[in-house]
Structures are given as structure tokens and as C-alpha cells.
Amino acid sequence: MKSLTDEEISEFIAHDVEPYTIFVLLTNCQGTWPDTGLGGVLKRSYPAAYGRYKGHCAEKNGPDGHPTEALAGSCHIIPPISVDHVNRPVPPAYIACIFSSFGDGHRNWFNTDKPGRSSKALIRLQTADGFGELKKLLREMGLNRAQETSCSDEIESTSESPQKPNWTENGLNMKVCLYEQNGKDFQMQWKEVDGISQGGVFSDALSYRLPARL
């Protein structure tokens, strides 16, 4: 099935995605998102978030300055950053990075900076571990938000966008978006990714997928 064009993904984000949606992106530990597909569109639509991802990867670099596998199997959630959406045609959004593989694409045996994808079995295991951490992090975010709401109706403004959604620790009112073609970057079909995520994040959260075709 033919994938969505980058323009179609951009249009979807600009016109159909609700504020504070949580995008789930399967990614690598190299500090790079692809130039096309969901990763490419998010990189151009939310450049500050992309910089935050690169910085998170760089923190785990080895003594030689090269990426390590320390992040593989983990999840890192990037909150909305005001410079990405204020006076720009995209909504504030969270980006949940699932570190499915050390690298991506084919290995370049002459360039240690291009290690290629991990084995398929390892990718599946690390993706499952990443989704497990995602659920834990979102539960904590929902609990914190619920406590903030119960204590006060006012939320102090910070350099980050304030967490305005009325979330709960069970994921109620959360909106989590997965792109069914994203797994192909790591040789996984949508059914595999959907199975690993157990069909969603929480039973009370609205998990929806950006299909291959609109």
C-alpha cells in the first residue's frame, strides 16, 4: 500500500490533530530522524523538539563522542515547546520517542556512524520495552496533571507550553497518535506494532492511527 506523502501528513497535523496530542515515533539512538515520512514531517514541523531529541541522544554518547546503545528499548517524551507552535500552523504536541533500534537503514561497513538496523528480534524486544516505558511515563503525566487540577485551577506559565489537557492517571482524555507506516523503517508491519502496543496505551486513552492512506 502506498504511503501518505509528506504534504498529506503535514496537512493532517495542521488541520486534524487536536492540541496536546501525543505522537508516538519509533526511532533510533543516532540522534537523527529521517527526511521523509512522519519523522521527517515532525522534524520540520517541530524543530525545537527535534533539537531536544538530538540533545537527549548526545547525552548518551560514549567517551569518543559516538552514539551508544544505552537508549535502545527506552522512551523519551518531548513536551510541547512554545517556539514550535506559537504563531506557527501546527498545534502544541508531545512527541514520544520509542528507541526501537540502535541505528536504521542498512549498515555501512566502512562508516561506523552508520551501524544500520538492529536484528528484527531485537527491534521487536526493544520496541516492546519502549512501549512499556511509554505507558509508565504517560500514567505519571496523567497523575501529575490530575493532582495539579485538583489543587488549583491555575497553572504557572513556563518556557514549555503548560499542560492544559484534563488528563487522568488512567489515560482519560489523552490522545495518542501512531502512524501505521512508521514501523516499516524498522521492518515491522502495522500489525506487529499494534500487537506490541497491545492495541493502544490505556483502555481509557484515545489511541488512533494515522493510516497509510487518508
N, C-alpha and C. Protein backbone atom coordinates (compact mmCIF):
# COMPACT_ATOMS: atom_id res chain seq x y z
N MET A 1 0.84 -1.19 0.00
CA MET A 1 0.00 0.00 0.00
C MET A 1 0.88 1.24 0.00
N LYS A 2 0.54 2.20 -0.84
CA LYS A 2 1.31 3.42 -0.96
C LYS A 2 1.18 4.28 0.30
N SER A 3 2.31 4.84 0.73
CA SER A 3 2.30 5.66 1.94
C SER A 3 1.77 7.05 1.65
N LEU A 4 1.37 7.74 2.72
CA LEU A 4 1.00 9.14 2.60
C LEU A 4 2.20 9.95 2.16
N THR A 5 1.96 11.01 1.40
CA THR A 5 3.03 11.92 1.07
C THR A 5 3.33 12.80 2.29
N ASP A 6 4.49 13.41 2.29
CA ASP A 6 4.82 14.30 3.40
C ASP A 6 3.83 15.46 3.48
N GLU A 7 3.38 15.92 2.33
CA GLU A 7 2.41 17.01 2.31
C GLU A 7 1.10 16.59 2.97
N GLU A 8 0.68 15.37 2.71
CA GLU A 8 -0.56 14.88 3.31
C GLU A 8 -0.41 14.73 4.83
N ILE A 9 0.74 14.26 5.28
CA ILE A 9 0.97 14.15 6.72
C ILE A 9 0.97 15.54 7.35
N SER A 10 1.61 16.50 6.68
CA SER A 10 1.66 17.87 7.19
C SER A 10 0.26 18.47 7.29
N GLU A 11 -0.56 18.23 6.28
CA GLU A 11 -1.93 18.73 6.29
C GLU A 11 -2.72 18.11 7.42
N PHE A 12 -2.51 16.82 7.65
CA PHE A 12 -3.20 16.13 8.73
C PHE A 12 -2.84 16.76 10.08
N ILE A 13 -1.55 17.01 10.30
CA ILE A 13 -1.11 17.59 11.56
C ILE A 13 -1.68 19.00 11.73
N ALA A 14 -1.66 19.79 10.66
CA ALA A 14 -2.10 21.18 10.75
C ALA A 14 -3.60 21.32 10.94
N HIS A 15 -4.38 20.40 10.37
CA HIS A 15 -5.84 20.60 10.34
C HIS A 15 -6.65 19.58 11.14
N ASP A 16 -6.09 18.39 11.40
CA ASP A 16 -6.88 17.34 12.03
C ASP A 16 -6.40 16.93 13.42
N VAL A 17 -5.19 17.28 13.77
CA VAL A 17 -4.65 16.88 15.07
C VAL A 17 -5.07 17.88 16.15
N GLU A 18 -5.60 17.37 17.24
CA GLU A 18 -6.02 18.24 18.34
C GLU A 18 -4.82 18.66 19.18
N PRO A 19 -4.89 19.83 19.81
CA PRO A 19 -3.79 20.27 20.67
C PRO A 19 -3.46 19.24 21.75
N TYR A 20 -2.17 19.11 22.04
CA TYR A 20 -1.64 18.23 23.07
C TYR A 20 -1.80 16.74 22.74
N THR A 21 -1.95 16.46 21.46
CA THR A 21 -1.87 15.06 21.01
C THR A 21 -0.46 14.54 21.27
N ILE A 22 -0.35 13.26 21.56
CA ILE A 22 0.94 12.62 21.80
C ILE A 22 1.29 11.77 20.58
N PHE A 23 2.26 12.23 19.78
CA PHE A 23 2.72 11.44 18.64
C PHE A 23 3.71 10.39 19.14
N VAL A 24 3.54 9.16 18.67
CA VAL A 24 4.48 8.10 19.01
C VAL A 24 5.36 7.85 17.78
N LEU A 25 6.67 7.99 17.96
CA LEU A 25 7.60 7.85 16.84
C LEU A 25 8.65 6.79 17.17
N LEU A 26 8.66 5.71 16.39
CA LEU A 26 9.72 4.73 16.53
C LEU A 26 10.98 5.32 15.91
N THR A 27 12.09 5.28 16.65
CA THR A 27 13.28 5.97 16.17
C THR A 27 14.54 5.22 16.57
N ASN A 28 15.70 5.84 16.26
CA ASN A 28 17.00 5.23 16.51
C ASN A 28 17.74 5.99 17.61
N CYS A 29 18.93 5.51 17.96
CA CYS A 29 19.74 6.13 19.01
C CYS A 29 20.81 7.05 18.43
N GLN A 30 20.76 7.33 17.13
CA GLN A 30 21.81 8.08 16.45
C GLN A 30 21.61 9.60 16.52
N GLY A 31 20.42 10.03 16.97
CA GLY A 31 20.15 11.47 17.00
C GLY A 31 19.70 12.01 15.66
N THR A 32 19.12 11.15 14.83
CA THR A 32 18.64 11.60 13.51
C THR A 32 17.25 11.04 13.24
N TRP A 33 16.38 11.88 12.75
CA TRP A 33 15.10 11.43 12.20
C TRP A 33 15.20 11.46 10.69
N PRO A 34 14.44 10.63 10.01
CA PRO A 34 14.52 10.60 8.54
C PRO A 34 14.05 11.91 7.93
N ASP A 35 14.35 12.08 6.66
CA ASP A 35 13.93 13.30 5.96
C ASP A 35 12.51 13.20 5.42
N THR A 36 11.97 11.99 5.39
CA THR A 36 10.62 11.79 4.87
C THR A 36 9.78 11.01 5.88
N GLY A 37 8.48 10.88 5.59
CA GLY A 37 7.59 10.15 6.48
C GLY A 37 7.27 10.97 7.73
N LEU A 38 6.72 10.30 8.73
CA LEU A 38 6.31 11.02 9.94
C LEU A 38 7.51 11.69 10.62
N GLY A 39 8.64 10.99 10.69
CA GLY A 39 9.82 11.57 11.32
C GLY A 39 10.26 12.84 10.62
N GLY A 40 10.27 12.83 9.30
CA GLY A 40 10.68 14.00 8.55
C GLY A 40 9.73 15.17 8.73
N VAL A 41 8.43 14.88 8.74
CA VAL A 41 7.44 15.94 8.91
C VAL A 41 7.52 16.53 10.32
N LEU A 42 7.68 15.67 11.33
CA LEU A 42 7.81 16.18 12.70
C LEU A 42 9.09 17.00 12.85
N LYS A 43 10.15 16.59 12.19
CA LYS A 43 11.42 17.32 12.26
C LYS A 43 11.26 18.74 11.73
N ARG A 44 10.51 18.88 10.63
CA ARG A 44 10.31 20.21 10.04
C ARG A 44 9.22 21.00 10.76
N SER A 45 8.21 20.31 11.26
CA SER A 45 7.10 20.99 11.92
C SER A 45 7.43 21.40 13.34
N TYR A 46 8.27 20.61 14.02
CA TYR A 46 8.63 20.88 15.42
C TYR A 46 10.15 20.86 15.57
N PRO A 47 10.85 21.83 14.98
CA PRO A 47 12.33 21.81 15.00
C PRO A 47 12.93 21.88 16.39
N ALA A 48 12.30 22.59 17.31
CA ALA A 48 12.85 22.66 18.67
C ALA A 48 12.75 21.29 19.34
N ALA A 49 11.66 20.58 19.10
CA ALA A 49 11.51 19.22 19.65
C ALA A 49 12.57 18.30 19.06
N TYR A 50 12.85 18.47 17.77
CA TYR A 50 13.90 17.65 17.14
C TYR A 50 15.25 17.94 17.79
N GLY A 51 15.52 19.21 18.08
CA GLY A 51 16.75 19.57 18.78
C GLY A 51 16.82 18.94 20.15
N ARG A 52 15.67 18.86 20.83
CA ARG A 52 15.62 18.23 22.16
C ARG A 52 15.94 16.73 22.05
N TYR A 53 15.42 16.10 21.00
CA TYR A 53 15.71 14.68 20.77
C TYR A 53 17.21 14.47 20.51
N LYS A 54 17.79 15.30 19.66
CA LYS A 54 19.21 15.18 19.36
C LYS A 54 20.05 15.36 20.63
N GLY A 55 19.66 16.32 21.46
CA GLY A 55 20.38 16.55 22.70
C GLY A 55 20.28 15.36 23.64
N HIS A 56 19.08 14.74 23.69
CA HIS A 56 18.89 13.58 24.56
C HIS A 56 19.79 12.44 24.10
N CYS A 57 19.91 12.24 22.80
CA CYS A 57 20.78 11.19 22.27
C CYS A 57 22.24 11.51 22.58
N ALA A 58 22.63 12.77 22.40
CA ALA A 58 24.02 13.17 22.61
C ALA A 58 24.46 12.95 24.05
N GLU A 59 23.52 13.06 25.00
CA GLU A 59 23.86 12.85 26.41
C GLU A 59 24.34 11.43 26.67
N LYS A 60 23.96 10.50 25.80
CA LYS A 60 24.34 9.09 25.99
C LYS A 60 25.53 8.69 25.12
N ASN A 61 26.14 9.66 24.42
CA ASN A 61 27.30 9.33 23.59
C ASN A 61 28.44 8.79 24.46
N GLY A 62 29.28 7.96 23.85
CA GLY A 62 30.41 7.40 24.55
C GLY A 62 31.54 8.41 24.69
N PRO A 63 32.64 8.02 25.35
CA PRO A 63 33.79 8.92 25.51
C PRO A 63 34.37 9.41 24.19
N ASP A 64 34.17 8.62 23.13
CA ASP A 64 34.69 9.02 21.83
C ASP A 64 33.73 9.95 21.08
N GLY A 65 32.61 10.27 21.71
CA GLY A 65 31.64 11.16 21.08
C GLY A 65 30.66 10.47 20.16
N HIS A 66 30.77 9.16 20.02
CA HIS A 66 29.88 8.41 19.14
C HIS A 66 28.67 7.88 19.92
N PRO A 67 27.54 7.69 19.22
CA PRO A 67 26.34 7.16 19.89
C PRO A 67 26.59 5.78 20.47
N THR A 68 25.86 5.47 21.53
CA THR A 68 25.91 4.14 22.13
C THR A 68 24.51 3.53 22.10
N GLU A 69 24.40 2.30 22.55
CA GLU A 69 23.11 1.62 22.56
C GLU A 69 22.37 1.83 23.87
N ALA A 70 22.82 2.79 24.68
CA ALA A 70 22.24 2.98 26.01
C ALA A 70 20.75 3.29 25.97
N LEU A 71 20.29 3.97 24.92
CA LEU A 71 18.88 4.37 24.85
C LEU A 71 17.98 3.28 24.28
N ALA A 72 18.55 2.27 23.65
CA ALA A 72 17.74 1.24 22.99
C ALA A 72 16.78 0.59 23.98
N GLY A 73 15.50 0.52 23.60
CA GLY A 73 14.48 -0.07 24.46
C GLY A 73 13.88 0.90 25.45
N SER A 74 14.20 2.19 25.31
CA SER A 74 13.64 3.18 26.23
C SER A 74 12.67 4.11 25.51
N CYS A 75 12.08 5.02 26.26
CA CYS A 75 11.15 6.01 25.70
C CYS A 75 11.48 7.38 26.30
N HIS A 76 11.44 8.39 25.47
CA HIS A 76 11.66 9.76 25.93
C HIS A 76 10.55 10.64 25.38
N ILE A 77 9.81 11.32 26.25
CA ILE A 77 8.70 12.16 25.80
C ILE A 77 9.14 13.62 25.79
N ILE A 78 9.01 14.24 24.62
CA ILE A 78 9.36 15.65 24.46
C ILE A 78 8.07 16.45 24.59
N PRO A 79 8.00 17.38 25.53
CA PRO A 79 6.77 18.17 25.72
C PRO A 79 6.64 19.25 24.65
N PRO A 80 5.46 19.85 24.53
CA PRO A 80 5.30 20.97 23.59
C PRO A 80 6.26 22.10 23.96
N ILE A 81 6.89 22.69 22.97
CA ILE A 81 7.81 23.81 23.18
C ILE A 81 7.23 25.00 22.43
N SER A 82 7.09 26.12 23.13
CA SER A 82 6.32 27.24 22.58
C SER A 82 6.82 27.73 21.23
N VAL A 83 8.14 27.74 21.01
CA VAL A 83 8.65 28.27 19.74
C VAL A 83 8.25 27.40 18.56
N ASP A 84 7.83 26.17 18.84
CA ASP A 84 7.43 25.28 17.75
C ASP A 84 6.01 25.55 17.26
N HIS A 85 5.16 26.10 18.12
CA HIS A 85 3.75 26.22 17.71
C HIS A 85 3.15 27.61 17.84
N VAL A 86 3.77 28.48 18.63
CA VAL A 86 3.22 29.84 18.75
C VAL A 86 3.43 30.58 17.44
N ASN A 87 2.35 31.08 16.88
CA ASN A 87 2.36 31.78 15.59
C ASN A 87 2.86 30.90 14.45
N ARG A 88 2.67 29.59 14.60
CA ARG A 88 3.01 28.64 13.54
C ARG A 88 1.79 27.75 13.30
N PRO A 89 1.64 27.19 12.08
CA PRO A 89 0.42 26.45 11.73
C PRO A 89 0.37 25.01 12.22
N VAL A 90 0.88 24.75 13.41
CA VAL A 90 0.80 23.40 13.98
C VAL A 90 0.32 23.51 15.42
N PRO A 91 -0.37 22.50 15.92
CA PRO A 91 -0.83 22.54 17.31
C PRO A 91 0.28 22.16 18.26
N PRO A 92 0.19 22.57 19.54
CA PRO A 92 1.15 22.06 20.52
C PRO A 92 0.98 20.56 20.64
N ALA A 93 2.09 19.85 20.68
CA ALA A 93 2.02 18.38 20.71
C ALA A 93 3.20 17.80 21.46
N TYR A 94 2.98 16.63 22.03
CA TYR A 94 4.05 15.86 22.64
C TYR A 94 4.58 14.87 21.60
N ILE A 95 5.87 14.56 21.67
CA ILE A 95 6.45 13.55 20.79
C ILE A 95 7.11 12.50 21.67
N ALA A 96 6.57 11.28 21.64
CA ALA A 96 7.10 10.18 22.43
C ALA A 96 8.04 9.35 21.55
N CYS A 97 9.33 9.42 21.84
CA CYS A 97 10.33 8.71 21.05
C CYS A 97 10.53 7.31 21.62
N ILE A 98 10.21 6.30 20.82
CA ILE A 98 10.45 4.91 21.19
C ILE A 98 11.76 4.49 20.51
N PHE A 99 12.78 4.20 21.30
CA PHE A 99 14.08 3.85 20.72
C PHE A 99 14.10 2.36 20.38
N SER A 100 13.61 2.08 19.17
CA SER A 100 13.43 0.69 18.73
C SER A 100 14.72 0.02 18.29
N SER A 101 15.68 0.81 17.85
CA SER A 101 16.90 0.23 17.27
C SER A 101 18.07 1.17 17.50
N PHE A 102 19.27 0.61 17.56
CA PHE A 102 20.46 1.44 17.70
C PHE A 102 20.62 2.35 16.48
N GLY A 103 20.49 1.76 15.30
CA GLY A 103 20.57 2.53 14.05
C GLY A 103 19.36 2.26 13.18
N ASP A 104 19.40 2.73 11.95
CA ASP A 104 18.34 2.42 11.00
C ASP A 104 18.95 2.25 9.62
N GLY A 105 18.13 1.76 8.68
CA GLY A 105 18.63 1.54 7.34
C GLY A 105 19.63 0.39 7.29
N HIS A 106 20.39 0.35 6.20
CA HIS A 106 21.39 -0.71 6.03
C HIS A 106 22.73 -0.29 6.65
N ARG A 107 23.44 -1.27 7.15
CA ARG A 107 24.74 -0.98 7.77
C ARG A 107 25.77 -0.62 6.71
N ASN A 108 26.58 0.38 7.01
CA ASN A 108 27.71 0.75 6.16
C ASN A 108 28.98 0.25 6.84
N TRP A 109 29.56 -0.79 6.28
CA TRP A 109 30.70 -1.43 6.92
C TRP A 109 31.95 -0.55 6.91
N PHE A 110 31.93 0.51 6.10
CA PHE A 110 33.09 1.40 6.01
C PHE A 110 32.88 2.68 6.80
N ASN A 111 31.74 2.80 7.49
CA ASN A 111 31.43 4.01 8.24
C ASN A 111 30.78 3.61 9.56
N THR A 112 31.51 3.76 10.65
CA THR A 112 30.99 3.34 11.96
C THR A 112 29.82 4.21 12.42
N ASP A 113 29.60 5.36 11.78
CA ASP A 113 28.48 6.22 12.14
C ASP A 113 27.16 5.73 11.55
N LYS A 114 27.21 4.68 10.72
CA LYS A 114 26.00 4.12 10.11
C LYS A 114 25.93 2.63 10.42
N PRO A 115 25.51 2.30 11.67
CA PRO A 115 25.50 0.90 12.09
C PRO A 115 24.35 0.08 11.52
N GLY A 116 23.35 0.75 10.96
CA GLY A 116 22.20 0.03 10.41
C GLY A 116 21.24 -0.43 11.48
N ARG A 117 20.15 -1.05 11.02
CA ARG A 117 19.13 -1.54 11.95
C ARG A 117 19.65 -2.69 12.80
N SER A 118 19.12 -2.80 14.00
CA SER A 118 19.38 -3.97 14.83
C SER A 118 18.65 -5.15 14.21
N SER A 119 18.88 -6.35 14.75
CA SER A 119 18.17 -7.52 14.24
C SER A 119 16.68 -7.36 14.49
N LYS A 120 15.87 -8.03 13.68
CA LYS A 120 14.42 -7.88 13.82
C LYS A 120 13.94 -8.33 15.19
N ALA A 121 14.50 -9.43 15.70
CA ALA A 121 14.09 -9.91 17.02
C ALA A 121 14.42 -8.88 18.09
N LEU A 122 15.59 -8.26 17.98
CA LEU A 122 15.99 -7.26 18.97
C LEU A 122 15.13 -6.00 18.84
N ILE A 123 14.79 -5.63 17.62
CA ILE A 123 13.93 -4.46 17.41
C ILE A 123 12.57 -4.68 18.06
N ARG A 124 12.01 -5.86 17.88
CA ARG A 124 10.71 -6.15 18.49
C ARG A 124 10.79 -6.07 20.01
N LEU A 125 11.85 -6.64 20.58
CA LEU A 125 12.03 -6.63 22.03
C LEU A 125 12.18 -5.20 22.54
N GLN A 126 13.02 -4.41 21.86
CA GLN A 126 13.28 -3.04 22.30
C GLN A 126 12.07 -2.14 22.10
N THR A 127 11.30 -2.41 21.05
CA THR A 127 10.06 -1.65 20.84
C THR A 127 9.06 -1.94 21.94
N ALA A 128 8.96 -3.22 22.33
CA ALA A 128 8.06 -3.60 23.43
C ALA A 128 8.49 -2.94 24.74
N ASP A 129 9.79 -2.92 25.01
CA ASP A 129 10.29 -2.27 26.22
C ASP A 129 10.00 -0.77 26.18
N GLY A 130 10.16 -0.16 24.99
CA GLY A 130 9.89 1.27 24.85
C GLY A 130 8.43 1.60 25.10
N PHE A 131 7.53 0.76 24.59
CA PHE A 131 6.09 0.99 24.82
C PHE A 131 5.76 0.79 26.30
N GLY A 132 6.43 -0.15 26.94
CA GLY A 132 6.20 -0.33 28.37
C GLY A 132 6.57 0.91 29.16
N GLU A 133 7.70 1.53 28.80
CA GLU A 133 8.10 2.76 29.48
C GLU A 133 7.17 3.91 29.12
N LEU A 134 6.71 3.95 27.86
CA LEU A 134 5.77 4.99 27.44
C LEU A 134 4.52 4.96 28.31
N LYS A 135 3.98 3.79 28.53
CA LYS A 135 2.77 3.67 29.35
C LYS A 135 3.03 4.16 30.77
N LYS A 136 4.20 3.83 31.31
CA LYS A 136 4.55 4.28 32.65
C LYS A 136 4.66 5.80 32.71
N LEU A 137 5.33 6.39 31.72
CA LEU A 137 5.51 7.84 31.70
C LEU A 137 4.18 8.57 31.53
N LEU A 138 3.32 8.06 30.65
CA LEU A 138 2.03 8.71 30.44
C LEU A 138 1.15 8.59 31.68
N ARG A 139 1.26 7.47 32.36
CA ARG A 139 0.48 7.32 33.60
C ARG A 139 0.94 8.35 34.63
N GLU A 140 2.25 8.56 34.73
CA GLU A 140 2.78 9.56 35.65
C GLU A 140 2.34 10.97 35.25
N MET A 141 2.37 11.25 33.95
CA MET A 141 1.94 12.56 33.46
C MET A 141 0.46 12.80 33.76
N GLY A 142 -0.35 11.76 33.54
CA GLY A 142 -1.77 11.89 33.82
C GLY A 142 -2.04 12.09 35.29
N LEU A 143 -1.30 11.36 36.14
CA LEU A 143 -1.47 11.50 37.60
C LEU A 143 -1.06 12.90 38.04
N ASN A 144 0.08 13.40 37.53
CA ASN A 144 0.54 14.73 37.89
C ASN A 144 -0.45 15.80 37.45
N ARG A 145 -0.99 15.61 36.27
CA ARG A 145 -1.95 16.59 35.75
C ARG A 145 -3.22 16.57 36.59
N ALA A 146 -3.67 15.39 36.96
CA ALA A 146 -4.87 15.27 37.78
C ALA A 146 -4.67 15.93 39.14
N GLN A 147 -3.47 15.78 39.71
CA GLN A 147 -3.18 16.39 41.00
C GLN A 147 -3.11 17.90 40.89
N GLU A 148 -2.52 18.40 39.80
CA GLU A 148 -2.46 19.85 39.58
C GLU A 148 -3.85 20.44 39.48
N THR A 149 -4.72 19.73 38.75
CA THR A 149 -6.07 20.23 38.55
C THR A 149 -6.86 20.24 39.85
N SER A 150 -6.65 19.23 40.68
CA SER A 150 -7.39 19.15 41.94
C SER A 150 -6.90 20.18 42.95
N CYS A 151 -5.62 20.59 42.83
CA CYS A 151 -5.05 21.55 43.79
C CYS A 151 -5.34 23.00 43.39
N SER A 152 -5.34 23.26 42.10
CA SER A 152 -5.50 24.64 41.65
C SER A 152 -5.99 24.66 40.22
N ASP A 153 -6.77 25.67 39.89
CA ASP A 153 -7.23 25.85 38.52
C ASP A 153 -6.23 26.64 37.70
N GLU A 154 -5.21 27.18 38.37
CA GLU A 154 -4.21 27.98 37.67
C GLU A 154 -2.92 27.20 37.55
N ILE A 155 -2.31 27.27 36.35
CA ILE A 155 -1.04 26.60 36.10
C ILE A 155 -0.04 27.67 35.70
N GLU A 156 1.10 27.71 36.39
CA GLU A 156 2.09 28.71 36.08
C GLU A 156 2.64 28.49 34.68
N SER A 157 2.86 29.57 33.96
CA SER A 157 3.44 29.50 32.63
C SER A 157 4.94 29.32 32.73
N THR A 158 5.51 28.44 31.91
CA THR A 158 6.95 28.21 31.88
C THR A 158 7.42 28.35 30.45
N SER A 159 8.71 28.05 30.22
CA SER A 159 9.23 28.09 28.85
C SER A 159 8.61 27.00 28.00
N GLU A 160 8.11 25.96 28.66
CA GLU A 160 7.37 24.94 27.95
C GLU A 160 5.90 25.36 27.91
N SER A 161 5.14 24.74 27.01
CA SER A 161 3.71 25.01 26.99
C SER A 161 3.10 24.39 28.23
N PRO A 162 2.17 25.03 28.90
CA PRO A 162 1.55 24.45 30.08
C PRO A 162 0.73 23.22 29.71
N GLN A 163 0.70 22.25 30.61
CA GLN A 163 -0.09 21.05 30.37
C GLN A 163 -1.55 21.37 30.65
N LYS A 164 -2.30 21.68 29.63
CA LYS A 164 -3.68 22.09 29.80
C LYS A 164 -4.70 20.96 29.73
N PRO A 165 -4.39 19.82 29.11
CA PRO A 165 -5.42 18.79 28.97
C PRO A 165 -5.91 18.29 30.33
N ASN A 166 -7.15 17.88 30.38
CA ASN A 166 -7.73 17.33 31.60
C ASN A 166 -7.47 15.82 31.62
N TRP A 167 -6.22 15.44 31.84
CA TRP A 167 -5.83 14.04 31.84
C TRP A 167 -6.05 13.41 33.20
N THR A 168 -6.12 12.07 33.20
CA THR A 168 -6.15 11.31 34.44
C THR A 168 -5.07 10.24 34.39
N GLU A 169 -4.80 9.62 35.54
CA GLU A 169 -3.74 8.61 35.58
C GLU A 169 -4.10 7.37 34.77
N ASN A 170 -5.36 7.19 34.42
CA ASN A 170 -5.77 6.06 33.59
C ASN A 170 -5.77 6.40 32.10
N GLY A 171 -5.29 7.62 31.78
CA GLY A 171 -5.20 8.00 30.39
C GLY A 171 -6.45 8.65 29.83
N LEU A 172 -7.44 8.89 30.67
CA LEU A 172 -8.67 9.51 30.18
C LEU A 172 -8.37 10.87 29.57
N ASN A 173 -8.91 11.12 28.40
CA ASN A 173 -8.76 12.36 27.64
C ASN A 173 -7.41 12.50 26.94
N MET A 174 -6.51 11.54 27.13
CA MET A 174 -5.28 11.57 26.35
C MET A 174 -5.56 11.14 24.91
N LYS A 175 -4.85 11.76 23.98
CA LYS A 175 -4.97 11.39 22.57
C LYS A 175 -3.59 11.00 22.07
N VAL A 176 -3.44 9.73 21.71
CA VAL A 176 -2.15 9.18 21.31
C VAL A 176 -2.23 8.77 19.85
N CYS A 177 -1.32 9.27 19.03
CA CYS A 177 -1.36 9.03 17.59
C CYS A 177 -0.14 8.23 17.13
N LEU A 178 -0.40 7.13 16.44
CA LEU A 178 0.64 6.32 15.84
C LEU A 178 0.43 6.29 14.32
N TYR A 179 1.51 6.34 13.57
CA TYR A 179 1.44 6.27 12.09
C TYR A 179 1.73 4.84 11.68
N GLU A 180 0.81 4.22 10.97
CA GLU A 180 0.94 2.80 10.71
C GLU A 180 2.11 2.45 9.78
N GLN A 181 2.69 3.44 9.10
CA GLN A 181 3.83 3.17 8.24
C GLN A 181 5.16 3.36 8.96
N ASN A 182 5.14 3.92 10.15
CA ASN A 182 6.38 4.22 10.87
C ASN A 182 7.21 2.96 11.15
N GLY A 183 6.53 1.85 11.44
CA GLY A 183 7.24 0.62 11.75
C GLY A 183 8.05 0.07 10.60
N LYS A 184 7.70 0.45 9.37
CA LYS A 184 8.42 -0.07 8.21
C LYS A 184 9.87 0.40 8.18
N ASP A 185 10.15 1.53 8.86
CA ASP A 185 11.54 1.98 8.95
C ASP A 185 12.40 0.93 9.66
N PHE A 186 11.74 0.08 10.45
CA PHE A 186 12.45 -0.95 11.21
C PHE A 186 11.95 -2.34 10.85
N GLN A 187 11.44 -2.47 9.62
CA GLN A 187 10.99 -3.75 9.07
C GLN A 187 9.90 -4.41 9.91
N MET A 188 8.98 -3.59 10.42
CA MET A 188 7.82 -4.10 11.15
C MET A 188 6.55 -3.61 10.48
N GLN A 189 5.62 -4.53 10.29
CA GLN A 189 4.32 -4.18 9.76
C GLN A 189 3.44 -3.58 10.86
N TRP A 190 2.37 -2.89 10.44
CA TRP A 190 1.48 -2.27 11.43
C TRP A 190 0.93 -3.28 12.42
N LYS A 191 0.57 -4.47 11.96
CA LYS A 191 0.01 -5.48 12.87
C LYS A 191 0.99 -5.83 13.98
N GLU A 192 2.28 -5.84 13.65
CA GLU A 192 3.28 -6.14 14.67
C GLU A 192 3.37 -5.01 15.69
N VAL A 193 3.42 -3.77 15.21
CA VAL A 193 3.50 -2.62 16.11
C VAL A 193 2.24 -2.54 16.97
N ASP A 194 1.09 -2.74 16.34
CA ASP A 194 -0.19 -2.67 17.06
C ASP A 194 -0.25 -3.77 18.12
N GLY A 195 0.27 -4.95 17.78
CA GLY A 195 0.28 -6.04 18.74
C GLY A 195 1.21 -5.76 19.91
N ILE A 196 2.38 -5.18 19.61
CA ILE A 196 3.34 -4.85 20.67
C ILE A 196 2.76 -3.80 21.61
N SER A 197 2.05 -2.83 21.02
CA SER A 197 1.46 -1.78 21.86
C SER A 197 0.16 -2.24 22.50
N GLN A 198 -0.22 -3.47 22.22
CA GLN A 198 -1.45 -4.07 22.76
C GLN A 198 -2.67 -3.25 22.36
N GLY A 199 -2.63 -2.74 21.13
CA GLY A 199 -3.78 -2.04 20.57
C GLY A 199 -3.97 -0.64 21.11
N GLY A 200 -3.05 -0.15 21.91
CA GLY A 200 -3.20 1.20 22.46
C GLY A 200 -2.35 1.37 23.69
N VAL A 201 -2.49 2.48 24.33
CA VAL A 201 -1.68 2.77 25.51
C VAL A 201 -2.44 2.47 26.78
N PHE A 202 -3.64 3.04 26.94
CA PHE A 202 -4.52 2.74 28.07
C PHE A 202 -5.90 2.44 27.51
N SER A 203 -6.68 1.72 28.28
CA SER A 203 -8.05 1.46 27.84
C SER A 203 -8.87 2.75 27.79
N ASP A 204 -8.51 3.72 28.65
CA ASP A 204 -9.27 4.97 28.70
C ASP A 204 -8.72 6.04 27.76
N ALA A 205 -7.55 5.81 27.17
CA ALA A 205 -6.96 6.81 26.27
C ALA A 205 -7.49 6.60 24.85
N LEU A 206 -7.59 7.68 24.11
CA LEU A 206 -7.99 7.59 22.71
C LEU A 206 -6.74 7.39 21.88
N SER A 207 -6.44 6.15 21.52
CA SER A 207 -5.30 5.84 20.68
C SER A 207 -5.81 5.72 19.24
N TYR A 208 -5.27 6.51 18.36
CA TYR A 208 -5.69 6.40 16.98
C TYR A 208 -4.48 6.38 16.06
N ARG A 209 -4.68 5.85 14.88
CA ARG A 209 -3.55 5.72 13.96
C ARG A 209 -3.75 6.61 12.74
N LEU A 210 -2.65 7.12 12.27
CA LEU A 210 -2.63 7.83 11.01
C LEU A 210 -2.45 6.75 9.95
N PRO A 211 -3.48 6.45 9.14
CA PRO A 211 -3.42 5.33 8.22
C PRO A 211 -2.44 5.57 7.08
N ALA A 212 -2.15 4.49 6.34
CA ALA A 212 -1.26 4.61 5.18
C ALA A 212 -1.84 5.56 4.15
N ARG A 213 -3.18 5.55 4.05
CA ARG A 213 -3.87 6.48 3.13
C ARG A 213 -5.02 7.13 3.88
N LEU A 214 -5.23 8.43 3.63
CA LEU A 214 -6.35 9.13 4.25
C LEU A 214 -7.63 8.86 3.47
